[in-house]
Amino acid sequence: MIYIFRGNVKRVLISLLTNPIFIIGYWIFGHELASICRYGRMNNNLYILLLSIVLLFSIILITTIKMIKVSDHKLKNLTNLKSWKNISIIIFVAITLLYGVNIYKSATNYGGKLAWYIERLKNERSVKFEHNNIYNYGVKGIFEDINKEHTLPQELYMVNNFSLEFNSDGTITSFDTFVYGKNEDGKEESYLITFDKNKSKNITLILNGYAGPTYNVDMLVEPLVKTVSVIPIKQKVSEWNENQYGLVYYGKRNWGYNTNGIINIDKDGKEYSPEVATSEIIGYTVSIFIPGKEKMITPARYNLIGDPNWSKPSTTQNQVNSNEKKNELKNTKEQFYLSKEVGFKLDVTDKALGSTFYSLSKTMDGEKTWTVINNDPFSGTIGSASGIVFIDDKLGFLGAVNPSGNEGALYRTDDGGTSFKKVNFTPHKVKLDNGQSLSPFDSPGMPYEEDGVFNLLMGQGSDGDYNGNSSALYQSKDKGQTWEYIKEVKNS
């Protein structure tokens, strides 16, 4: 019985591989499948793929029925064309290898739509949004809903900000934030949290993104939750009589001596609006505003008072003065100043599936006005920005890391940020004790200039464990256009 079954299978395979229509159908199937994996659905390729599957299934079915009925003598006559049989097998194998490799590339290293789809399956979660009225539940309800299905770290920090919009009846229509923290086991976790009522009734959660953690207390989430819980939001927005409102929180902010819109509020909801500031106004500020009318109608900027740690700067005035003498310019991984007047900054324009979109702006008057000079400096999506440096008003560099944080890239401009090109590095290979080779250094830091030579340290990313997570020193003698490996550097 087994022999008969194996014999029939062999007959079917031989007949299929020598059938030109089957080979053509298989080629169309491979081509369309590889295209969808690489680029996603385009034009009618999904319909062509489905038609090719129907064609292949029909041929297999007809061939199977036919081969069961055919005699061994007739089968021998059908397969006498040995040369065609060999050629057809070679063609079949070639098609399989060609499109198989393309599909594999589309599924790895974010090389195609398939890789993003796999990333979504691995890290994207949907959470039922029940506490969706800000008047009734504040923002605490958002985190309560998430905690029902995913236990968040008790102490959460933001990467950038928390932004939210809601209707006049209090219904939350959208929000967005990127938070991280350490769980009970001390392991770091990150969560890209988004909600758009027009797209889904559920909260979307993206796990395991690269947050670039600094654990800066100025970016704590807890003050946001506590402040919103005491703000009389419904009463405040009723004064404006609009249909849509916004809420934004950037962590601890220094308003200087500007009291415009500032409202100090205690845990019992009692408000104190200072007319004149006798000292710098510093606090974890939650702003309520009308989207698109921020300049016409001053936002209500609430600072919760009562906790002394929430109303003082994280550094003393002496430390600030000392730091200003060393570096008067506030440079971070998303902004860089050439002088007090001239600066560049990256602004988040959108987030999706663990990736971030940025625009690049420039100021010539010390932050009084900003002008967008590049709507997409990274030419697409990245995980997040890892740095920005300008050597002069023309030459500059941007750093980026992928969503998992295990690999980075460097971008260079020589026209003041109008355009950027990705910088290519020759990977430095190292040999392990077992004889295998690998290229561990794949996350470039920001370049710096010494005696006319540009230097940068190439790290290993979040997955680096080679030789104590050491770095590689690269140098450039043509202002960052090409780079040469110099030596391995031990991290201190």
Protein backbone atom coordinates (compact mmCIF):
# COMPACT_ATOMS: atom_id res chain seq x y z
CA MET A 1 0.00 0.00 0.00
CA ILE A 2 2.80 2.41 0.95
CA TYR A 3 4.68 1.46 -2.23
CA ILE A 4 1.63 2.27 -4.36
CA PHE A 5 1.19 5.62 -2.59
CA ARG A 6 4.84 6.57 -3.07
CA GLY A 7 4.64 5.50 -6.69
CA ASN A 8 1.65 7.75 -7.33
CA VAL A 9 3.37 10.71 -5.62
CA LYS A 10 6.44 10.19 -7.80
CA ARG A 11 4.26 10.08 -10.91
CA VAL A 12 2.54 13.32 -9.97
CA LEU A 13 5.83 15.12 -9.24
CA ILE A 14 7.42 13.98 -12.51
CA SER A 15 4.36 15.02 -14.48
CA LEU A 16 4.18 18.43 -12.79
CA LEU A 17 7.88 19.20 -13.28
CA THR A 18 7.66 18.34 -16.97
CA ASN A 19 4.51 20.39 -17.51
CA PRO A 20 5.41 23.79 -19.07
CA ILE A 21 2.14 25.34 -17.91
CA PHE A 22 2.90 24.35 -14.31
CA ILE A 23 6.42 25.83 -14.57
CA ILE A 24 5.04 29.11 -15.97
CA GLY A 25 2.36 29.25 -13.27
CA TYR A 26 4.98 28.55 -10.59
CA TRP A 27 7.18 31.36 -11.96
CA ILE A 28 4.27 33.84 -11.87
CA PHE A 29 3.41 32.71 -8.34
CA GLY A 30 7.01 33.18 -7.15
CA HIS A 31 7.35 36.59 -8.80
CA GLU A 32 4.10 37.97 -7.37
CA LEU A 33 4.69 36.51 -3.90
CA ALA A 34 8.19 38.02 -3.74
CA SER A 35 6.83 41.39 -4.91
CA ILE A 36 4.13 41.43 -2.23
CA CYS A 37 6.67 40.47 0.44
CA ARG A 38 9.00 43.25 -0.68
CA TYR A 39 6.66 46.10 -1.57
CA GLY A 40 3.22 45.11 -0.29
CA ARG A 41 0.11 45.11 -2.41
CA MET A 42 0.53 47.14 -5.62
CA ASN A 43 -1.99 47.51 -8.46
CA ASN A 44 -3.38 44.04 -9.19
CA ASN A 45 -0.53 41.85 -7.96
CA LEU A 46 -2.64 40.26 -5.22
CA TYR A 47 -5.25 39.20 -7.78
CA ILE A 48 -2.54 37.81 -10.06
CA LEU A 49 -1.10 35.87 -7.09
CA LEU A 50 -4.51 34.39 -6.28
CA LEU A 51 -5.08 33.45 -9.93
CA SER A 52 -1.68 31.74 -10.08
CA ILE A 53 -2.52 29.78 -6.90
CA VAL A 54 -5.84 28.67 -8.45
CA LEU A 55 -3.99 27.69 -11.64
CA LEU A 56 -1.35 25.68 -9.76
CA PHE A 57 -3.96 23.96 -7.58
CA SER A 58 -6.02 23.04 -10.64
CA ILE A 59 -2.99 21.60 -12.46
CA ILE A 60 -1.96 19.61 -9.37
CA LEU A 61 -5.52 18.25 -8.95
CA ILE A 62 -5.92 17.32 -12.62
CA THR A 63 -2.44 15.79 -12.76
CA THR A 64 -3.03 13.75 -9.61
CA ILE A 65 -6.28 12.28 -10.95
CA LYS A 66 -4.68 11.59 -14.32
CA MET A 67 -1.56 9.91 -12.89
CA ILE A 68 -3.59 7.58 -10.67
CA LYS A 69 -5.40 6.29 -13.75
CA VAL A 70 -2.44 6.10 -16.14
CA SER A 71 -0.54 2.81 -16.54
CA ASP A 72 3.21 2.39 -15.96
CA HIS A 73 3.70 1.82 -19.70
CA LYS A 74 2.04 5.13 -20.57
CA LEU A 75 3.96 6.93 -17.80
CA LYS A 76 7.21 5.67 -19.32
CA ASN A 77 6.21 7.15 -22.67
CA LEU A 78 5.30 10.45 -20.97
CA THR A 79 8.71 10.77 -19.33
CA ASN A 80 10.94 9.60 -22.20
CA LEU A 81 12.01 13.22 -22.86
CA LYS A 82 14.83 13.01 -20.35
CA SER A 83 16.53 16.21 -21.54
CA TRP A 84 13.37 18.28 -21.02
CA LYS A 85 12.86 16.63 -17.65
CA ASN A 86 16.33 17.73 -16.50
CA ILE A 87 15.87 21.24 -17.90
CA SER A 88 12.48 21.66 -16.21
CA ILE A 89 13.91 20.56 -12.85
CA ILE A 90 16.74 23.09 -13.20
CA ILE A 91 14.22 25.84 -14.04
CA PHE A 92 12.05 24.87 -11.05
CA VAL A 93 15.03 24.94 -8.67
CA ALA A 94 16.26 28.27 -10.11
CA ILE A 95 12.83 29.89 -9.64
CA THR A 96 12.64 28.56 -6.08
CA LEU A 97 16.11 29.85 -5.17
CA LEU A 98 15.68 33.24 -6.85
CA TYR A 99 12.38 34.16 -5.25
CA GLY A 100 13.12 32.29 -2.03
CA VAL A 101 16.18 34.50 -1.45
CA ASN A 102 14.16 37.63 -2.28
CA ILE A 103 11.43 36.64 0.18
CA TYR A 104 14.04 35.93 2.86
CA LYS A 105 15.59 39.38 2.35
CA SER A 106 12.15 40.97 2.58
CA ALA A 107 11.63 39.29 5.95
CA THR A 108 14.92 40.36 7.57
CA ASN A 109 16.62 43.62 8.55
CA TYR A 110 13.52 45.65 7.61
CA GLY A 111 14.23 44.88 3.96
CA GLY A 112 10.60 44.79 2.90
CA LYS A 113 6.94 44.84 3.87
CA LEU A 114 7.16 41.26 5.14
CA ALA A 115 9.72 42.27 7.78
CA TRP A 116 7.40 45.02 9.03
CA TYR A 117 4.49 42.58 9.09
CA ILE A 118 6.54 40.09 11.12
CA GLU A 119 7.60 42.92 13.44
CA ARG A 120 3.94 43.78 13.97
CA LEU A 121 3.05 40.18 14.76
CA LYS A 122 5.90 39.98 17.28
CA ASN A 123 5.47 43.32 19.01
CA GLU A 124 2.11 44.91 18.25
CA ARG A 125 -0.71 44.39 20.75
CA SER A 126 -4.28 45.69 20.87
CA VAL A 127 -5.85 46.76 24.17
CA LYS A 128 -9.55 47.42 24.73
CA PHE A 129 -10.06 51.10 25.53
CA GLU A 130 -12.81 51.39 28.16
CA HIS A 131 -11.85 54.49 30.18
CA ASN A 132 -12.16 56.74 27.16
CA ASN A 133 -13.58 59.92 28.71
CA ILE A 134 -11.06 62.38 30.07
CA TYR A 135 -13.65 64.18 32.23
CA ASN A 136 -14.43 60.97 34.11
CA TYR A 137 -11.11 59.12 34.16
CA GLY A 138 -8.37 61.62 33.31
CA VAL A 139 -5.36 59.92 31.70
CA LYS A 140 -5.05 57.42 34.54
CA GLY A 141 -7.74 55.33 32.84
CA ILE A 142 -5.51 54.85 29.80
CA PHE A 143 -2.78 53.21 31.85
CA GLU A 144 -5.33 51.22 33.85
CA ASP A 145 -6.72 49.70 30.65
CA ILE A 146 -3.23 48.80 29.46
CA ASN A 147 -2.31 47.30 32.85
CA LYS A 148 -5.22 44.87 32.58
CA GLU A 149 -3.42 43.04 29.79
CA HIS A 150 0.21 44.18 30.09
CA THR A 151 1.76 45.02 33.43
CA LEU A 152 3.60 48.30 33.00
CA PRO A 153 6.65 49.26 35.09
CA GLN A 154 5.61 51.17 38.20
CA GLU A 155 7.95 54.05 37.36
CA LEU A 156 7.50 55.19 33.77
CA TYR A 157 9.54 57.74 31.80
CA MET A 158 8.69 59.44 28.51
CA VAL A 159 11.00 59.63 25.50
CA ASN A 160 9.49 62.84 24.11
CA ASN A 161 6.02 63.82 25.29
CA PHE A 162 2.44 62.79 25.87
CA SER A 163 -0.16 64.35 23.56
CA LEU A 164 -3.92 63.80 23.54
CA GLU A 165 -7.02 65.21 21.86
CA PHE A 166 -10.63 65.00 23.02
CA ASN A 167 -14.12 66.20 22.05
CA SER A 168 -16.25 68.71 23.93
CA ASP A 169 -18.11 65.82 25.61
CA GLY A 170 -14.80 64.50 27.00
CA THR A 171 -14.46 61.56 24.60
CA ILE A 172 -10.79 60.94 23.86
CA THR A 173 -10.22 60.86 20.10
CA SER A 174 -6.46 60.27 19.95
CA PHE A 175 -3.28 60.13 22.00
CA ASP A 176 0.34 59.23 21.51
CA THR A 177 3.37 58.65 23.72
CA PHE A 178 6.54 56.54 23.97
CA VAL A 179 7.39 55.37 27.49
CA TYR A 180 9.86 53.04 29.14
CA GLY A 181 10.88 51.74 32.54
CA LYS A 182 12.16 48.71 34.44
CA ASN A 183 9.89 45.87 35.46
CA GLU A 184 9.98 43.99 38.78
CA ASP A 185 12.92 41.90 37.54
CA GLY A 186 14.95 44.99 36.66
CA LYS A 187 14.55 44.39 32.92
CA GLU A 188 13.97 47.41 30.74
CA GLU A 189 10.72 47.59 28.81
CA SER A 190 9.42 50.16 26.32
CA TYR A 191 5.96 50.88 24.98
CA LEU A 192 4.90 52.99 22.02
CA ILE A 193 1.27 53.76 22.89
CA THR A 194 -1.11 55.18 20.28
CA PHE A 195 -4.84 55.56 19.79
CA ASP A 196 -6.88 57.02 16.95
CA LYS A 197 -10.64 56.74 17.24
CA ASN A 198 -11.02 57.04 13.46
CA LYS A 199 -8.88 53.93 12.92
CA SER A 200 -9.73 51.66 15.84
CA LYS A 201 -11.69 51.43 19.08
CA ASN A 202 -8.65 49.88 20.77
CA ILE A 203 -5.32 51.18 22.03
CA THR A 204 -2.34 50.06 19.96
CA LEU A 205 0.74 49.00 21.89
CA ILE A 206 4.15 48.49 20.25
CA LEU A 207 6.58 46.59 22.48
CA ASN A 208 10.37 46.37 22.49
CA GLY A 209 11.17 49.61 20.64
CA TYR A 210 14.40 51.50 21.19
CA ALA A 211 13.74 54.30 23.66
CA GLY A 212 17.31 55.59 24.18
CA PRO A 213 16.70 55.46 27.95
CA THR A 214 18.18 58.20 30.12
CA TYR A 215 15.89 57.83 33.16
CA ASN A 216 15.70 61.59 33.46
CA VAL A 217 13.38 62.48 36.35
CA ASP A 218 12.24 65.51 34.37
CA MET A 219 10.43 63.08 32.05
CA LEU A 220 8.45 61.13 34.65
CA VAL A 221 4.91 60.06 33.72
CA GLU A 222 3.55 60.08 37.30
CA PRO A 223 3.22 63.91 37.52
CA LEU A 224 1.09 63.83 34.36
CA VAL A 225 -1.38 61.37 35.88
CA LYS A 226 -1.62 63.21 39.21
CA THR A 227 -1.90 66.68 37.68
CA VAL A 228 -4.65 65.74 35.21
CA SER A 229 -6.63 64.11 38.04
CA VAL A 230 -7.08 67.50 39.78
CA ILE A 231 -7.49 69.80 36.76
CA PRO A 232 -11.13 70.87 36.22
CA ILE A 233 -10.82 70.11 32.51
CA LYS A 234 -14.53 70.21 31.69
CA GLN A 235 -14.97 73.54 33.40
CA LYS A 236 -11.91 75.03 31.71
CA VAL A 237 -12.72 74.04 28.14
CA SER A 238 -16.35 75.17 28.53
CA GLU A 239 -14.97 78.72 28.61
CA TRP A 240 -13.68 78.27 25.05
CA ASN A 241 -16.80 76.64 23.55
CA GLU A 242 -14.96 74.63 20.87
CA ASN A 243 -15.56 71.12 19.52
CA GLN A 244 -12.02 69.78 19.84
CA TYR A 245 -9.37 70.25 22.54
CA GLY A 246 -5.83 69.11 23.16
CA LEU A 247 -3.64 68.17 26.10
CA VAL A 248 0.15 67.98 26.01
CA TYR A 249 2.81 67.16 28.58
CA TYR A 250 6.57 67.50 28.06
CA GLY A 251 7.64 66.69 31.62
CA LYS A 252 9.35 69.32 33.78
CA ARG A 253 9.59 72.68 32.04
CA ASN A 254 11.25 75.98 32.86
CA TRP A 255 9.01 78.94 31.94
CA GLY A 256 11.48 81.49 33.24
CA TYR A 257 9.61 84.55 34.52
CA ASN A 258 6.80 84.25 31.99
CA THR A 259 3.46 83.84 33.81
CA ASN A 260 1.36 83.80 30.63
CA GLY A 261 -1.16 80.95 30.99
CA ILE A 262 0.49 79.55 34.13
CA ILE A 263 -1.92 78.10 36.70
CA ASN A 264 -0.55 76.57 39.89
CA ILE A 265 -2.98 74.01 41.28
CA ASP A 266 -2.86 71.96 44.49
CA LYS A 267 -4.07 68.41 45.11
CA ASP A 268 -7.49 69.71 46.18
CA GLY A 269 -7.96 71.59 42.90
CA LYS A 270 -7.39 75.08 44.33
CA GLU A 271 -5.81 77.33 41.72
CA TYR A 272 -3.17 80.05 42.12
CA SER A 273 -2.46 82.15 39.03
CA PRO A 274 0.68 84.25 39.58
CA GLU A 275 0.55 87.74 38.15
CA VAL A 276 4.26 88.38 38.67
CA ALA A 277 7.01 85.77 39.05
CA THR A 278 9.54 86.48 41.78
CA SER A 279 11.60 83.47 40.70
CA GLU A 280 11.79 81.14 37.71
CA ILE A 281 8.62 79.11 37.13
CA ILE A 282 9.64 75.47 36.96
CA GLY A 283 7.33 72.49 37.15
CA TYR A 284 5.79 69.44 35.53
CA THR A 285 3.39 71.30 33.24
CA VAL A 286 0.21 69.90 31.70
CA SER A 287 -1.17 72.23 29.01
CA ILE A 288 -4.79 72.33 27.85
CA PHE A 289 -5.30 74.09 24.50
CA ILE A 290 -7.36 74.42 21.34
CA PRO A 291 -5.58 72.69 18.42
CA GLY A 292 -4.65 75.23 15.73
CA LYS A 293 -5.44 78.21 17.96
CA GLU A 294 -2.54 78.04 20.43
CA LYS A 295 -1.24 81.45 19.34
CA MET A 296 -4.67 83.12 19.40
CA ILE A 297 -5.92 81.63 22.68
CA THR A 298 -3.30 81.10 25.37
CA PRO A 299 -3.18 77.48 26.61
CA ALA A 300 -3.92 76.81 30.27
CA ARG A 301 -0.60 75.59 31.71
CA TYR A 302 -1.15 73.72 34.95
CA ASN A 303 1.62 73.03 37.48
CA LEU A 304 0.73 70.78 40.41
CA ILE A 305 2.17 72.21 43.62
CA GLY A 306 2.66 70.59 47.01
CA ASP A 307 5.52 68.23 46.16
CA PRO A 308 8.81 70.17 46.56
CA ASN A 309 10.53 67.89 44.03
CA TRP A 310 8.00 68.94 41.41
CA SER A 311 8.60 72.67 41.70
CA LYS A 312 12.35 73.01 41.60
CA PRO A 313 14.96 72.51 38.86
CA SER A 314 16.94 69.29 38.76
CA THR A 315 20.18 71.30 39.04
CA THR A 316 21.16 74.12 41.36
CA GLN A 317 21.71 77.63 40.06
CA ASN A 318 25.45 77.28 40.69
CA GLN A 319 25.48 74.10 38.60
CA VAL A 320 23.52 75.81 35.85
CA ASN A 321 25.93 78.75 35.81
CA SER A 322 28.88 76.36 35.73
CA ASN A 323 27.39 74.36 32.88
CA GLU A 324 26.57 77.51 30.95
CA LYS A 325 30.17 78.64 31.15
CA LYS A 326 31.28 75.31 29.73
CA ASN A 327 28.53 75.12 27.17
CA GLU A 328 25.94 77.85 26.86
CA LEU A 329 24.15 75.96 24.07
CA LYS A 330 21.46 73.41 24.91
CA ASN A 331 22.45 70.56 22.62
CA THR A 332 20.64 67.21 22.80
CA LYS A 333 20.16 64.23 20.51
CA GLU A 334 17.34 66.13 18.76
CA GLN A 335 18.66 69.71 18.69
CA PHE A 336 22.01 71.41 18.07
CA TYR A 337 23.05 75.06 18.31
CA LEU A 338 25.98 76.58 16.47
CA SER A 339 25.53 79.81 18.44
CA LYS A 340 22.98 81.50 20.66
CA GLU A 341 21.14 82.61 17.52
CA VAL A 342 21.61 79.72 15.05
CA GLY A 343 20.25 76.28 15.84
CA PHE A 344 18.76 73.14 14.28
CA LYS A 345 16.21 70.74 15.72
CA LEU A 346 14.40 67.54 14.77
CA ASP A 347 10.63 67.53 15.31
CA VAL A 348 8.54 64.36 15.41
CA THR A 349 5.88 64.48 12.69
CA ASP A 350 4.46 60.96 13.00
CA LYS A 351 4.97 57.56 14.61
CA ALA A 352 4.00 54.12 13.37
CA LEU A 353 4.98 50.55 14.20
CA GLY A 354 7.87 51.56 16.40
CA SER A 355 9.30 53.97 13.85
CA THR A 356 9.42 57.75 13.90
CA PHE A 357 9.16 60.37 11.17
CA TYR A 358 10.98 63.71 11.61
CA SER A 359 11.24 67.12 10.05
CA LEU A 360 14.29 69.41 10.43
CA SER A 361 13.86 73.05 11.45
CA LYS A 362 16.30 75.93 11.76
CA THR A 363 16.30 79.13 13.82
CA MET A 364 18.35 82.25 13.07
CA ASP A 365 17.08 84.39 15.93
CA GLY A 366 17.66 82.35 19.06
CA GLU A 367 14.43 80.29 18.99
CA LYS A 368 12.07 83.19 18.40
CA THR A 369 11.08 81.70 15.07
CA TRP A 370 11.70 78.27 13.52
CA THR A 371 11.57 77.40 9.83
CA VAL A 372 11.21 73.84 8.48
CA ILE A 373 14.07 73.32 6.04
CA ASN A 374 13.61 69.58 5.40
CA ASN A 375 10.32 67.68 5.75
CA ASP A 376 11.99 64.25 5.70
CA PRO A 377 15.73 64.40 6.46
CA PHE A 378 16.01 60.61 6.96
CA SER A 379 14.23 59.86 3.66
CA GLY A 380 11.69 57.56 5.28
CA THR A 381 11.08 55.83 8.58
CA ILE A 382 13.62 55.09 11.29
CA GLY A 383 13.38 53.80 14.81
CA SER A 384 14.38 57.10 16.37
CA ALA A 385 16.96 59.86 16.08
CA SER A 386 20.18 59.23 17.99
CA GLY A 387 21.95 62.54 17.47
CA ILE A 388 22.40 65.76 15.52
CA VAL A 389 25.64 67.73 15.02
CA PHE A 390 26.52 70.64 12.74
CA ILE A 391 30.17 71.51 12.20
CA ASP A 392 29.23 74.79 10.51
CA ASP A 393 26.14 76.24 8.84
CA LYS A 394 26.59 73.89 5.87
CA LEU A 395 28.13 70.64 7.13
CA GLY A 396 26.14 68.50 9.54
CA PHE A 397 25.28 64.95 10.58
CA LEU A 398 22.19 63.09 11.81
CA GLY A 399 22.22 59.77 13.65
CA ALA A 400 19.47 57.15 13.66
CA VAL A 401 18.76 53.74 15.16
CA ASN A 402 16.32 51.09 13.96
CA PRO A 403 13.24 50.24 16.09
CA SER A 404 14.99 47.41 17.94
CA GLY A 405 18.03 49.59 18.71
CA ASN A 406 20.51 46.96 17.54
CA GLU A 407 21.76 48.87 14.48
CA GLY A 408 22.25 52.50 13.51
CA ALA A 409 23.01 54.80 10.59
CA LEU A 410 24.66 58.17 9.96
CA TYR A 411 23.41 60.83 7.51
CA ARG A 412 25.48 63.75 6.15
CA THR A 413 24.55 67.12 4.68
CA ASP A 414 26.78 69.71 3.05
CA ASP A 415 24.03 72.14 2.10
CA GLY A 416 22.85 73.21 5.55
CA GLY A 417 20.27 70.45 5.99
CA THR A 418 18.38 70.85 2.72
CA SER A 419 19.35 67.30 1.76
CA PHE A 420 21.06 64.36 3.46
CA LYS A 421 22.88 61.28 2.21
CA LYS A 422 23.43 58.09 4.16
CA VAL A 423 27.10 57.54 5.02
CA ASN A 424 28.57 54.15 4.14
CA PHE A 425 31.05 52.41 6.41
CA THR A 426 33.26 49.43 5.61
CA PRO A 427 32.37 46.89 8.33
CA HIS A 428 35.25 45.87 10.56
CA LYS A 429 35.30 42.09 10.93
CA VAL A 430 36.66 40.31 13.99
CA LYS A 431 37.48 36.64 14.49
CA LEU A 432 36.07 34.73 17.43
CA ASP A 433 37.85 31.94 19.30
CA ASN A 434 35.82 29.35 17.39
CA GLY A 435 37.13 30.69 14.09
CA GLN A 436 33.93 32.41 13.04
CA SER A 437 33.93 36.02 11.84
CA LEU A 438 31.43 38.73 12.64
CA SER A 439 31.00 42.49 12.24
CA PRO A 440 29.85 43.67 15.67
CA PHE A 441 30.25 47.43 15.15
CA ASP A 442 27.11 48.78 13.47
CA SER A 443 25.88 51.80 15.45
CA PRO A 444 27.74 55.02 14.57
CA GLY A 445 27.98 57.79 17.15
CA MET A 446 28.14 61.47 16.27
CA PRO A 447 31.33 62.78 14.58
CA TYR A 448 33.65 65.28 16.24
CA GLU A 449 36.60 67.17 14.78
CA GLU A 450 40.17 67.18 16.10
CA ASP A 451 43.02 68.92 14.21
CA GLY A 452 41.14 68.76 10.92
CA VAL A 453 40.36 65.04 11.25
CA PHE A 454 36.84 63.79 11.91
CA ASN A 455 36.41 61.01 14.47
CA LEU A 456 33.50 58.86 15.58
CA LEU A 457 32.98 55.82 17.77
CA MET A 458 31.05 52.96 16.20
CA GLY A 459 29.11 51.07 18.87
CA GLN A 460 27.39 47.69 18.87
CA GLY A 461 23.78 48.71 19.49
CA SER A 462 21.43 47.26 22.09
CA ASP A 463 22.34 43.65 21.19
CA GLY A 464 26.14 44.16 21.43
CA ASP A 465 28.09 41.80 23.67
CA TYR A 466 31.40 41.39 21.84
CA ASN A 467 34.45 42.10 24.03
CA GLY A 468 32.59 43.94 26.76
CA ASN A 469 30.48 45.86 24.24
CA SER A 470 33.57 47.76 23.06
CA SER A 471 33.49 50.35 20.25
CA ALA A 472 35.44 50.95 17.05
CA LEU A 473 37.17 54.24 16.28
CA TYR A 474 36.68 55.49 12.70
CA GLN A 475 38.34 58.55 11.15
CA SER A 476 37.67 60.67 8.08
CA LYS A 477 40.00 63.08 6.33
CA ASP A 478 37.44 64.35 3.80
CA LYS A 479 34.93 65.94 6.18
CA GLY A 480 32.93 62.80 6.82
CA GLN A 481 32.38 61.59 3.26
CA THR A 482 34.43 58.41 3.70
CA TRP A 483 35.56 56.70 6.89
CA GLU A 484 38.42 54.37 7.80
CA TYR A 485 38.58 51.93 10.71
CA ILE A 486 41.43 52.82 13.06
CA LYS A 487 41.25 50.64 16.18
CA GLU A 488 39.04 49.03 18.77
CA VAL A 489 38.31 51.11 21.85
CA LYS A 490 37.40 49.73 25.27
CA ASN A 491 34.36 51.38 26.82
CA SER A 492 35.14 53.03 30.11
